[in-house]
Amino acid sequence: MYVHGGSCVSCHGISGKGGVPIMMSNVIPPDITYETLTSGDKHADEHEEHPPYTDETIKIAIRGGIDPAGEEVDYIMPKWDMSDSDLDDLIEYLKTL
Protein backbone atom coordinates (compact mmCIF):
# COMPACT_ATOMS: atom_id res chain seq x y z
CA MET A 1 0.00 0.00 0.00
CA TYR A 2 1.36 3.41 -0.86
CA VAL A 3 -0.89 5.90 0.95
CA HIS A 4 -3.90 5.38 -1.31
CA GLY A 5 -6.67 7.32 0.35
CA GLY A 6 -5.15 7.26 3.77
CA SER A 7 -2.13 7.63 5.95
CA CYS A 8 -1.02 6.97 9.52
CA VAL A 9 -3.40 9.66 10.77
CA SER A 10 -6.38 7.76 9.32
CA CYS A 11 -6.02 5.16 12.06
CA HIS A 12 -3.64 6.52 14.69
CA GLY A 13 -5.13 10.03 14.75
CA ILE A 14 -3.58 13.48 14.43
CA SER A 15 -1.75 13.08 17.74
CA GLY A 16 -0.49 9.57 16.91
CA LYS A 17 -1.98 8.26 20.14
CA GLY A 18 -4.53 5.94 18.51
CA GLY A 19 -7.09 4.65 20.96
CA VAL A 20 -10.18 4.96 18.73
CA PRO A 21 -11.55 1.81 17.05
CA ILE A 22 -11.12 1.68 13.28
CA MET A 23 -14.41 2.10 11.42
CA MET A 24 -16.26 -1.18 10.96
CA SER A 25 -13.72 -3.00 13.15
CA ASN A 26 -13.03 -3.69 16.79
CA VAL A 27 -9.30 -3.04 16.33
CA ILE A 28 -7.98 -0.13 18.39
CA PRO A 29 -4.82 1.38 16.88
CA PRO A 30 -1.97 1.81 19.37
CA ASP A 31 -0.09 4.93 20.36
CA ILE A 32 2.70 5.39 17.80
CA THR A 33 4.36 8.44 19.30
CA TYR A 34 8.13 7.98 19.32
CA GLU A 35 8.32 8.34 23.08
CA THR A 36 5.84 5.51 23.58
CA LEU A 37 7.31 3.22 20.92
CA THR A 38 10.87 3.54 22.22
CA SER A 39 10.21 3.68 25.96
CA GLY A 40 11.64 1.04 28.24
CA ASP A 41 8.15 0.25 29.53
CA LYS A 42 6.72 -3.13 28.65
CA HIS A 43 4.98 -3.14 25.29
CA ALA A 44 2.12 -5.49 24.74
CA ASP A 45 -0.36 -5.98 22.00
CA GLU A 46 -2.97 -8.64 21.46
CA HIS A 47 -0.26 -11.17 20.65
CA GLU A 48 2.48 -10.83 23.25
CA GLU A 49 4.94 -8.49 24.89
CA HIS A 50 7.83 -7.19 22.83
CA PRO A 51 10.90 -5.04 23.40
CA PRO A 52 10.82 -1.30 22.74
CA TYR A 53 11.15 -0.16 19.15
CA THR A 54 14.29 1.41 17.73
CA ASP A 55 14.47 3.52 14.58
CA GLU A 56 15.41 0.38 12.66
CA THR A 57 12.61 -1.79 14.06
CA ILE A 58 10.08 1.00 13.41
CA LYS A 59 11.15 0.86 9.75
CA ILE A 60 10.77 -2.92 9.72
CA ALA A 61 7.29 -2.67 11.24
CA ILE A 62 6.18 -0.08 8.70
CA ARG A 63 7.59 -1.86 5.65
CA GLY A 64 7.33 -5.49 6.66
CA GLY A 65 4.74 -5.67 9.43
CA ILE A 66 7.12 -7.23 11.98
CA ASP A 67 7.47 -6.04 15.59
CA PRO A 68 10.74 -5.97 17.60
CA ALA A 69 10.13 -9.53 18.86
CA GLY A 70 9.99 -10.77 15.26
CA GLU A 71 6.23 -11.32 15.34
CA GLU A 72 3.72 -9.99 12.84
CA VAL A 73 1.91 -6.82 13.84
CA ASP A 74 -1.89 -6.79 13.71
CA TYR A 75 -3.29 -7.82 10.33
CA ILE A 76 -5.07 -4.47 9.98
CA MET A 77 -1.74 -2.58 9.83
CA PRO A 78 -0.80 -2.18 6.16
CA LYS A 79 2.74 -2.68 4.92
CA TRP A 80 3.86 0.62 3.45
CA ASP A 81 6.07 0.94 0.37
CA MET A 82 8.24 3.88 1.43
CA SER A 83 11.69 5.08 0.42
CA ASP A 84 14.49 5.22 2.98
CA SER A 85 14.30 9.00 2.88
CA ASP A 86 10.54 9.01 3.51
CA LEU A 87 10.95 6.56 6.41
CA ASP A 88 13.66 8.73 7.94
CA ASP A 89 11.37 11.76 7.62
CA LEU A 90 8.48 9.84 9.18
CA ILE A 91 10.58 8.81 12.16
CA GLU A 92 11.71 12.40 12.64
CA TYR A 93 8.04 13.44 12.54
CA LEU A 94 7.08 10.78 15.12
CA LYS A 95 9.66 12.36 17.42
CA THR A 96 7.66 15.61 17.36
CA LEU A 97 4.38 14.04 18.51
PDB file of N, CA and C in Angstrom:
ATOM      1  N   MET A   1       0.852  -1.165   0.000  1.00  0.00           N
ATOM      2  CA  MET A   1       0.000   0.000   0.000  1.00  0.00           C
ATOM      3  C   MET A   1       0.896   1.224   0.000  1.00  0.00           C
ATOM      4  N   TYR A   2       0.574   2.191  -0.791  1.00  0.00           N
ATOM      5  CA  TYR A   2       1.364   3.411  -0.856  1.00  0.00           C
ATOM      6  C   TYR A   2       0.456   4.614  -0.660  1.00  0.00           C
ATOM      7  N   VAL A   3      -0.050   4.782   0.535  1.00  0.00           N
ATOM      8  CA  VAL A   3      -0.886   5.899   0.949  1.00  0.00           C
ATOM      9  C   VAL A   3      -1.999   6.209  -0.051  1.00  0.00           C
ATOM     10  N   HIS A   4      -2.748   5.181  -0.442  1.00  0.00           N
ATOM     11  CA  HIS A   4      -3.900   5.378  -1.315  1.00  0.00           C
ATOM     12  C   HIS A   4      -5.112   5.678  -0.456  1.00  0.00           C
ATOM     13  N   GLY A   5      -5.481   6.931  -0.384  1.00  0.00           N
ATOM     14  CA  GLY A   5      -6.675   7.321   0.346  1.00  0.00           C
ATOM     15  C   GLY A   5      -6.517   7.320   1.846  1.00  0.00           C
ATOM     16  N   GLY A   6      -5.315   7.254   2.336  1.00  0.00           N
ATOM     17  CA  GLY A   6      -5.149   7.263   3.769  1.00  0.00           C
ATOM     18  C   GLY A   6      -3.702   7.459   4.152  1.00  0.00           C
ATOM     19  N   SER A   7      -3.476   7.491   5.420  1.00  0.00           N
ATOM     20  CA  SER A   7      -2.125   7.626   5.951  1.00  0.00           C
ATOM     21  C   SER A   7      -2.171   7.203   7.410  1.00  0.00           C
ATOM     22  N   CYS A   8      -1.084   7.359   8.102  1.00  0.00           N
ATOM     23  CA  CYS A   8      -1.017   6.971   9.516  1.00  0.00           C
ATOM     24  C   CYS A   8      -2.137   7.622  10.319  1.00  0.00           C
ATOM     25  N   VAL A   9      -2.394   8.898  10.020  1.00  0.00           N
ATOM     26  CA  VAL A   9      -3.396   9.657  10.766  1.00  0.00           C
ATOM     27  C   VAL A   9      -4.793   9.056  10.619  1.00  0.00           C
ATOM     28  N   SER A  10      -5.058   8.364   9.533  1.00  0.00           N
ATOM     29  CA  SER A  10      -6.377   7.764   9.324  1.00  0.00           C
ATOM     30  C   SER A  10      -6.745   6.796  10.443  1.00  0.00           C
ATOM     31  N   CYS A  11      -5.758   6.120  10.985  1.00  0.00           N
ATOM     32  CA  CYS A  11      -6.023   5.155  12.057  1.00  0.00           C
ATOM     33  C   CYS A  11      -5.488   5.605  13.415  1.00  0.00           C
ATOM     34  N   HIS A  12      -4.289   6.174  13.433  1.00  0.00           N
ATOM     35  CA  HIS A  12      -3.643   6.525  14.694  1.00  0.00           C
ATOM     36  C   HIS A  12      -3.990   7.926  15.180  1.00  0.00           C
ATOM     37  N   GLY A  13      -4.694   8.700  14.357  1.00  0.00           N
ATOM     38  CA  GLY A  13      -5.125  10.032  14.746  1.00  0.00           C
ATOM     39  C   GLY A  13      -4.054  11.088  14.555  1.00  0.00           C
ATOM     40  N   ILE A  14      -4.472  12.336  14.637  1.00  0.00           N
ATOM     41  CA  ILE A  14      -3.576  13.476  14.434  1.00  0.00           C
ATOM     42  C   ILE A  14      -2.445  13.480  15.459  1.00  0.00           C
ATOM     43  N   SER A  15      -2.752  13.078  16.675  1.00  0.00           N
ATOM     44  CA  SER A  15      -1.749  13.083  17.745  1.00  0.00           C
ATOM     45  C   SER A  15      -0.857  11.851  17.717  1.00  0.00           C
ATOM     46  N   GLY A  16      -1.249  10.823  16.941  1.00  0.00           N
ATOM     47  CA  GLY A  16      -0.489   9.575  16.907  1.00  0.00           C
ATOM     48  C   GLY A  16      -0.780   8.661  18.078  1.00  0.00           C
ATOM     49  N   LYS A  17      -1.705   9.039  18.936  1.00  0.00           N
ATOM     50  CA  LYS A  17      -1.977   8.260  20.143  1.00  0.00           C
ATOM     51  C   LYS A  17      -2.992   7.139  19.960  1.00  0.00           C
ATOM     52  N   GLY A  18      -3.586   7.029  18.756  1.00  0.00           N
ATOM     53  CA  GLY A  18      -4.526   5.936  18.510  1.00  0.00           C
ATOM     54  C   GLY A  18      -5.674   5.956  19.496  1.00  0.00           C
ATOM     55  N   GLY A  19      -6.091   4.756  19.920  1.00  0.00           N
ATOM     56  CA  GLY A  19      -7.094   4.649  20.956  1.00  0.00           C
ATOM     57  C   GLY A  19      -8.539   4.636  20.507  1.00  0.00           C
ATOM     58  N   VAL A  20      -8.806   4.931  19.238  1.00  0.00           N
ATOM     59  CA  VAL A  20     -10.175   4.959  18.735  1.00  0.00           C
ATOM     60  C   VAL A  20     -10.350   3.802  17.753  1.00  0.00           C
ATOM     61  N   PRO A  21     -11.370   2.956  17.950  1.00  0.00           N
ATOM     62  CA  PRO A  21     -11.552   1.812  17.050  1.00  0.00           C
ATOM     63  C   PRO A  21     -11.648   2.252  15.588  1.00  0.00           C
ATOM     64  N   ILE A  22     -11.064   1.437  14.722  1.00  0.00           N
ATOM     65  CA  ILE A  22     -11.125   1.684  13.282  1.00  0.00           C
ATOM     66  C   ILE A  22     -12.543   1.406  12.813  1.00  0.00           C
ATOM     67  N   MET A  23     -13.042   2.248  11.912  1.00  0.00           N
ATOM     68  CA  MET A  23     -14.410   2.101  11.419  1.00  0.00           C
ATOM     69  C   MET A  23     -14.662   0.672  10.938  1.00  0.00           C
ATOM     70  N   MET A  24     -15.796   0.144  11.342  1.00  0.00           N
ATOM     71  CA  MET A  24     -16.262  -1.184  10.964  1.00  0.00           C
ATOM     72  C   MET A  24     -15.297  -2.276  11.437  1.00  0.00           C
ATOM     73  N   SER A  25     -14.666  -2.052  12.587  1.00  0.00           N
ATOM     74  CA  SER A  25     -13.723  -3.005  13.145  1.00  0.00           C
ATOM     75  C   SER A  25     -13.698  -2.828  14.659  1.00  0.00           C
ATOM     76  N   ASN A  26     -13.205  -3.823  15.350  1.00  0.00           N
ATOM     77  CA  ASN A  26     -13.033  -3.693  16.793  1.00  0.00           C
ATOM     78  C   ASN A  26     -11.566  -3.468  17.148  1.00  0.00           C
ATOM     79  N   VAL A  27     -10.721  -3.270  16.122  1.00  0.00           N
ATOM     80  CA  VAL A  27      -9.301  -3.042  16.332  1.00  0.00           C
ATOM     81  C   VAL A  27      -9.087  -1.606  16.797  1.00  0.00           C
ATOM     82  N   ILE A  28      -8.305  -1.453  17.867  1.00  0.00           N
ATOM     83  CA  ILE A  28      -7.981  -0.134  18.391  1.00  0.00           C
ATOM     84  C   ILE A  28      -6.502   0.129  18.102  1.00  0.00           C
ATOM     85  N   PRO A  29      -6.215   1.083  17.220  1.00  0.00           N
ATOM     86  CA  PRO A  29      -4.822   1.378  16.885  1.00  0.00           C
ATOM     87  C   PRO A  29      -4.039   1.852  18.103  1.00  0.00           C
ATOM     88  N   PRO A  30      -2.778   1.415  18.218  1.00  0.00           N
ATOM     89  CA  PRO A  30      -1.970   1.812  19.367  1.00  0.00           C
ATOM     90  C   PRO A  30      -1.384   3.213  19.221  1.00  0.00           C
ATOM     91  N   ASP A  31      -0.835   3.682  20.304  1.00  0.00           N
ATOM     92  CA  ASP A  31      -0.091   4.933  20.358  1.00  0.00           C
ATOM     93  C   ASP A  31       1.221   4.714  19.601  1.00  0.00           C
ATOM     94  N   ILE A  32       1.473   5.526  18.580  1.00  0.00           N
ATOM     95  CA  ILE A  32       2.703   5.392  17.799  1.00  0.00           C
ATOM     96  C   ILE A  32       3.623   6.592  17.977  1.00  0.00           C
ATOM     97  N   THR A  33       3.423   7.347  19.053  1.00  0.00           N
ATOM     98  CA  THR A  33       4.358   8.438  19.297  1.00  0.00           C
ATOM     99  C   THR A  33       5.726   7.825  19.589  1.00  0.00           C
ATOM    100  N   TYR A  34       6.766   8.507  19.181  1.00  0.00           N
ATOM    101  CA  TYR A  34       8.127   7.980  19.317  1.00  0.00           C
ATOM    102  C   TYR A  34       8.451   7.658  20.771  1.00  0.00           C
ATOM    103  N   GLU A  35       8.058   8.556  21.656  1.00  0.00           N
ATOM    104  CA  GLU A  35       8.324   8.345  23.084  1.00  0.00           C
ATOM    105  C   GLU A  35       7.718   7.026  23.571  1.00  0.00           C
ATOM    106  N   THR A  36       6.501   6.749  23.160  1.00  0.00           N
ATOM    107  CA  THR A  36       5.839   5.511  23.579  1.00  0.00           C
ATOM    108  C   THR A  36       6.485   4.296  22.929  1.00  0.00           C
ATOM    109  N   LEU A  37       6.735   4.367  21.630  1.00  0.00           N
ATOM    110  CA  LEU A  37       7.307   3.220  20.918  1.00  0.00           C
ATOM    111  C   LEU A  37       8.678   2.822  21.458  1.00  0.00           C
ATOM    112  N   THR A  38       9.481   3.811  21.833  1.00  0.00           N
ATOM    113  CA  THR A  38      10.868   3.537  22.219  1.00  0.00           C
ATOM    114  C   THR A  38      11.097   3.510  23.725  1.00  0.00           C
ATOM    115  N   SER A  39      10.039   3.668  24.500  1.00  0.00           N
ATOM    116  CA  SER A  39      10.213   3.684  25.959  1.00  0.00           C
ATOM    117  C   SER A  39      10.607   2.303  26.467  1.00  0.00           C
ATOM    118  N   GLY A  40      11.232   2.292  27.627  1.00  0.00           N
ATOM    119  CA  GLY A  40      11.642   1.037  28.243  1.00  0.00           C
ATOM    120  C   GLY A  40      10.497   0.302  28.912  1.00  0.00           C
ATOM    121  N   ASP A  41       9.310   0.915  28.933  1.00  0.00           N
ATOM    122  CA  ASP A  41       8.151   0.250  29.528  1.00  0.00           C
ATOM    123  C   ASP A  41       7.810  -0.992  28.720  1.00  0.00           C
ATOM    124  N   LYS A  42       7.154  -1.923  29.357  1.00  0.00           N
ATOM    125  CA  LYS A  42       6.718  -3.126  28.652  1.00  0.00           C
ATOM    126  C   LYS A  42       5.728  -2.747  27.566  1.00  0.00           C
ATOM    127  N   HIS A  43       5.890  -3.355  26.413  1.00  0.00           N
ATOM    128  CA  HIS A  43       4.978  -3.137  25.294  1.00  0.00           C
ATOM    129  C   HIS A  43       4.216  -4.421  25.067  1.00  0.00           C
ATOM    130  N   ALA A  44       2.932  -4.305  24.979  1.00  0.00           N
ATOM    131  CA  ALA A  44       2.117  -5.490  24.742  1.00  0.00           C
ATOM    132  C   ALA A  44       1.053  -5.156  23.728  1.00  0.00           C
ATOM    133  N   ASP A  45       0.766  -6.112  22.904  1.00  0.00           N
ATOM    134  CA  ASP A  45      -0.358  -5.983  21.997  1.00  0.00           C
ATOM    135  C   ASP A  45      -1.197  -7.233  22.182  1.00  0.00           C
ATOM    136  N   GLU A  46      -2.096  -7.488  21.274  1.00  0.00           N
ATOM    137  CA  GLU A  46      -2.975  -8.639  21.456  1.00  0.00           C
ATOM    138  C   GLU A  46      -2.246  -9.967  21.321  1.00  0.00           C
ATOM    139  N   HIS A  47      -0.997  -9.928  20.845  1.00  0.00           N
ATOM    140  CA  HIS A  47      -0.261 -11.173  20.647  1.00  0.00           C
ATOM    141  C   HIS A  47       0.635 -11.492  21.844  1.00  0.00           C
ATOM    142  N   GLU A  48       1.538 -10.594  22.168  1.00  0.00           N
ATOM    143  CA  GLU A  48       2.483 -10.829  23.254  1.00  0.00           C
ATOM    144  C   GLU A  48       3.276  -9.558  23.531  1.00  0.00           C
ATOM    145  N   GLU A  49       4.070  -9.615  24.591  1.00  0.00           N
ATOM    146  CA  GLU A  49       4.941  -8.485  24.890  1.00  0.00           C
ATOM    147  C   GLU A  49       6.111  -8.480  23.915  1.00  0.00           C
ATOM    148  N   HIS A  50       6.640  -7.300  23.672  1.00  0.00           N
ATOM    149  CA  HIS A  50       7.825  -7.193  22.827  1.00  0.00           C
ATOM    150  C   HIS A  50       8.715  -6.072  23.341  1.00  0.00           C
ATOM    151  N   PRO A  51       9.993  -6.095  22.959  1.00  0.00           N
ATOM    152  CA  PRO A  51      10.899  -5.037  23.399  1.00  0.00           C
ATOM    153  C   PRO A  51      10.522  -3.692  22.795  1.00  0.00           C
ATOM    154  N   PRO A  52      11.082  -2.616  23.323  1.00  0.00           N
ATOM    155  CA  PRO A  52      10.822  -1.300  22.740  1.00  0.00           C
ATOM    156  C   PRO A  52      11.325  -1.252  21.293  1.00  0.00           C
ATOM    157  N   TYR A  53      10.719  -0.370  20.529  1.00  0.00           N
ATOM    158  CA  TYR A  53      11.155  -0.161  19.154  1.00  0.00           C
ATOM    159  C   TYR A  53      12.418   0.697  19.127  1.00  0.00           C
ATOM    160  N   THR A  54      13.182   0.529  18.079  1.00  0.00           N
ATOM    161  CA  THR A  54      14.294   1.406  17.734  1.00  0.00           C
ATOM    162  C   THR A  54      13.943   2.016  16.385  1.00  0.00           C
ATOM    163  N   ASP A  55      14.734   2.963  15.910  1.00  0.00           N
ATOM    164  CA  ASP A  55      14.471   3.522  14.583  1.00  0.00           C
ATOM    165  C   ASP A  55      14.419   2.405  13.535  1.00  0.00           C
ATOM    166  N   GLU A  56      15.353   1.458  13.647  1.00  0.00           N
ATOM    167  CA  GLU A  56      15.414   0.385  12.659  1.00  0.00           C
ATOM    168  C   GLU A  56      14.201  -0.541  12.744  1.00  0.00           C
ATOM    169  N   THR A  57      13.758  -0.882  13.955  1.00  0.00           N
ATOM    170  CA  THR A  57      12.605  -1.787  14.062  1.00  0.00           C
ATOM    171  C   THR A  57      11.294  -1.071  13.726  1.00  0.00           C
ATOM    172  N   ILE A  58      11.257   0.254  13.881  1.00  0.00           N
ATOM    173  CA  ILE A  58      10.084   1.005  13.413  1.00  0.00           C
ATOM    174  C   ILE A  58       9.987   0.864  11.891  1.00  0.00           C
ATOM    175  N   LYS A  59      11.116   1.001  11.216  1.00  0.00           N
ATOM    176  CA  LYS A  59      11.147   0.864   9.754  1.00  0.00           C
ATOM    177  C   LYS A  59      10.693  -0.527   9.327  1.00  0.00           C
ATOM    178  N   ILE A  60      11.151  -1.542  10.046  1.00  0.00           N
ATOM    179  CA  ILE A  60      10.773  -2.924   9.719  1.00  0.00           C
ATOM    180  C   ILE A  60       9.274  -3.127   9.927  1.00  0.00           C
ATOM    181  N   ALA A  61       8.724  -2.547  10.983  1.00  0.00           N
ATOM    182  CA  ALA A  61       7.285  -2.674  11.239  1.00  0.00           C
ATOM    183  C   ALA A  61       6.475  -1.991  10.145  1.00  0.00           C
ATOM    184  N   ILE A  62       6.914  -0.820   9.725  1.00  0.00           N
ATOM    185  CA  ILE A  62       6.176  -0.077   8.703  1.00  0.00           C
ATOM    186  C   ILE A  62       6.243  -0.781   7.354  1.00  0.00           C
ATOM    187  N   ARG A  63       7.420  -1.220   6.968  1.00  0.00           N
ATOM    188  CA  ARG A  63       7.591  -1.855   5.654  1.00  0.00           C
ATOM    189  C   ARG A  63       7.178  -3.324   5.635  1.00  0.00           C
ATOM    190  N   GLY A  64       7.517  -4.041   6.687  1.00  0.00           N
ATOM    191  CA  GLY A  64       7.329  -5.489   6.664  1.00  0.00           C
ATOM    192  C   GLY A  64       6.295  -6.044   7.611  1.00  0.00           C
ATOM    193  N   GLY A  65       5.768  -5.203   8.508  1.00  0.00           N
ATOM    194  CA  GLY A  65       4.744  -5.667   9.428  1.00  0.00           C
ATOM    195  C   GLY A  65       5.252  -6.583  10.523  1.00  0.00           C
ATOM    196  N   ILE A  66       6.514  -6.388  10.943  1.00  0.00           N
ATOM    197  CA  ILE A  66       7.120  -7.229  11.977  1.00  0.00           C
ATOM    198  C   ILE A  66       7.511  -6.364  13.170  1.00  0.00           C
ATOM    199  N   ASP A  67       7.132  -6.803  14.378  1.00  0.00           N
ATOM    200  CA  ASP A  67       7.468  -6.039  15.585  1.00  0.00           C
ATOM    201  C   ASP A  67       8.877  -6.390  16.076  1.00  0.00           C
ATOM    202  N   PRO A  68       9.372  -5.720  17.131  1.00  0.00           N
ATOM    203  CA  PRO A  68      10.738  -5.966  17.601  1.00  0.00           C
ATOM    204  C   PRO A  68      10.994  -7.388  18.107  1.00  0.00           C
ATOM    205  N   ALA A  69       9.957  -8.139  18.427  1.00  0.00           N
ATOM    206  CA  ALA A  69      10.128  -9.529  18.860  1.00  0.00           C
ATOM    207  C   ALA A  69      10.157 -10.475  17.668  1.00  0.00           C
ATOM    208  N   GLY A  70       9.986  -9.921  16.450  1.00  0.00           N
ATOM    209  CA  GLY A  70       9.990 -10.765  15.259  1.00  0.00           C
ATOM    210  C   GLY A  70       8.631 -11.329  14.910  1.00  0.00           C
ATOM    211  N   GLU A  71       7.591 -10.849  15.590  1.00  0.00           N
ATOM    212  CA  GLU A  71       6.231 -11.318  15.338  1.00  0.00           C
ATOM    213  C   GLU A  71       5.509 -10.355  14.405  1.00  0.00           C
ATOM    214  N   GLU A  72       4.509 -10.848  13.713  1.00  0.00           N
ATOM    215  CA  GLU A  72       3.717  -9.991  12.835  1.00  0.00           C
ATOM    216  C   GLU A  72       2.875  -9.031  13.667  1.00  0.00           C
ATOM    217  N   VAL A  73       2.795  -7.784  13.202  1.00  0.00           N
ATOM    218  CA  VAL A  73       1.906  -6.823  13.842  1.00  0.00           C
ATOM    219  C   VAL A  73       0.477  -7.179  13.441  1.00  0.00           C
ATOM    220  N   ASP A  74      -0.490  -6.500  14.016  1.00  0.00           N
ATOM    221  CA  ASP A  74      -1.888  -6.788  13.711  1.00  0.00           C
ATOM    222  C   ASP A  74      -2.149  -6.779  12.211  1.00  0.00           C
ATOM    223  N   TYR A  75      -2.985  -7.674  11.760  1.00  0.00           N
ATOM    224  CA  TYR A  75      -3.293  -7.822  10.334  1.00  0.00           C
ATOM    225  C   TYR A  75      -3.852  -6.541   9.713  1.00  0.00           C
ATOM    226  N   ILE A  76      -4.447  -5.690  10.502  1.00  0.00           N
ATOM    227  CA  ILE A  76      -5.073  -4.473   9.975  1.00  0.00           C
ATOM    228  C   ILE A  76      -4.026  -3.413   9.604  1.00  0.00           C
ATOM    229  N   MET A  77      -2.806  -3.539  10.137  1.00  0.00           N
ATOM    230  CA  MET A  77      -1.741  -2.583   9.826  1.00  0.00           C
ATOM    231  C   MET A  77      -1.188  -2.893   8.444  1.00  0.00           C
ATOM    232  N   PRO A  78      -1.330  -1.939   7.508  1.00  0.00           N
ATOM    233  CA  PRO A  78      -0.799  -2.185   6.163  1.00  0.00           C
ATOM    234  C   PRO A  78       0.727  -2.153   6.152  1.00  0.00           C
ATOM    235  N   LYS A  79       1.300  -2.776   5.165  1.00  0.00           N
ATOM    236  CA  LYS A  79       2.741  -2.683   4.923  1.00  0.00           C
ATOM    237  C   LYS A  79       2.921  -1.561   3.910  1.00  0.00           C
ATOM    238  N   TRP A  80       3.717  -0.571   4.272  1.00  0.00           N
ATOM    239  CA  TRP A  80       3.857   0.620   3.450  1.00  0.00           C
ATOM    240  C   TRP A  80       5.098   0.536   2.582  1.00  0.00           C
ATOM    241  N   ASP A  81       4.965   0.890   1.331  1.00  0.00           N
ATOM    242  CA  ASP A  81       6.073   0.940   0.369  1.00  0.00           C
ATOM    243  C   ASP A  81       6.640   2.350   0.414  1.00  0.00           C
ATOM    244  N   MET A  82       7.674   2.544   1.229  1.00  0.00           N
ATOM    245  CA  MET A  82       8.237   3.878   1.433  1.00  0.00           C
ATOM    246  C   MET A  82       9.736   3.864   1.169  1.00  0.00           C
ATOM    247  N   SER A  83      10.248   4.944   0.639  1.00  0.00           N
ATOM    248  CA  SER A  83      11.688   5.077   0.420  1.00  0.00           C
ATOM    249  C   SER A  83      12.395   5.245   1.763  1.00  0.00           C
ATOM    250  N   ASP A  84      13.702   5.014   1.765  1.00  0.00           N
ATOM    251  CA  ASP A  84      14.486   5.217   2.981  1.00  0.00           C
ATOM    252  C   ASP A  84      14.364   6.660   3.467  1.00  0.00           C
ATOM    253  N   SER A  85      14.405   7.584   2.536  1.00  0.00           N
ATOM    254  CA  SER A  85      14.298   9.004   2.880  1.00  0.00           C
ATOM    255  C   SER A  85      12.947   9.318   3.520  1.00  0.00           C
ATOM    256  N   ASP A  86      11.868   8.779   2.940  1.00  0.00           N
ATOM    257  CA  ASP A  86      10.538   9.007   3.514  1.00  0.00           C
ATOM    258  C   ASP A  86      10.420   8.391   4.904  1.00  0.00           C
ATOM    259  N   LEU A  87      10.988   7.200   5.087  1.00  0.00           N
ATOM    260  CA  LEU A  87      10.947   6.562   6.413  1.00  0.00           C
ATOM    261  C   LEU A  87      11.721   7.391   7.433  1.00  0.00           C
ATOM    262  N   ASP A  88      12.881   7.891   7.034  1.00  0.00           N
ATOM    263  CA  ASP A  88      13.658   8.733   7.944  1.00  0.00           C
ATOM    264  C   ASP A  88      12.854   9.978   8.328  1.00  0.00           C
ATOM    265  N   ASP A  89      12.198  10.584   7.344  1.00  0.00           N
ATOM    266  CA  ASP A  89      11.372  11.760   7.624  1.00  0.00           C
ATOM    267  C   ASP A  89      10.207  11.414   8.546  1.00  0.00           C
ATOM    268  N   LEU A  90       9.597  10.258   8.331  1.00  0.00           N
ATOM    269  CA  LEU A  90       8.480   9.836   9.177  1.00  0.00           C
ATOM    270  C   LEU A  90       8.931   9.646  10.616  1.00  0.00           C
ATOM    271  N   ILE A  91      10.081   9.018  10.811  1.00  0.00           N
ATOM    272  CA  ILE A  91      10.585   8.812  12.161  1.00  0.00           C
ATOM    273  C   ILE A  91      10.885  10.157  12.825  1.00  0.00           C
ATOM    274  N   GLU A  92      11.467  11.071  12.084  1.00  0.00           N
ATOM    275  CA  GLU A  92      11.714  12.403  12.643  1.00  0.00           C
ATOM    276  C   GLU A  92      10.388  13.075  13.021  1.00  0.00           C
ATOM    277  N   TYR A  93       9.353  12.876  12.219  1.00  0.00           N
ATOM    278  CA  TYR A  93       8.045  13.439  12.540  1.00  0.00           C
ATOM    279  C   TYR A  93       7.470  12.800  13.805  1.00  0.00           C
ATOM    280  N   LEU A  94       7.594  11.466  13.921  1.00  0.00           N
ATOM    281  CA  LEU A  94       7.082  10.783  15.116  1.00  0.00           C
ATOM    282  C   LEU A  94       7.715  11.354  16.380  1.00  0.00           C
ATOM    283  N   LYS A  95       8.954  11.788  16.268  1.00  0.00           N
ATOM    284  CA  LYS A  95       9.656  12.358  17.419  1.00  0.00           C
ATOM    285  C   LYS A  95       9.055  13.690  17.864  1.00  0.00           C
ATOM    286  N   THR A  96       8.277  14.317  17.002  1.00  0.00           N
ATOM    287  CA  THR A  96       7.662  15.608  17.358  1.00  0.00           C
ATOM    288  C   THR A  96       6.304  15.439  18.009  1.00  0.00           C
ATOM    289  N   LEU A  97       5.729  14.250  17.951  1.00  0.00           N
ATOM    290  CA  LEU A  97       4.385  14.037  18.505  1.00  0.00           C
ATOM    291  C   LEU A  97       4.420  13.890  20.014  1.00  0.00           C
TER     292      LEU A  97
END
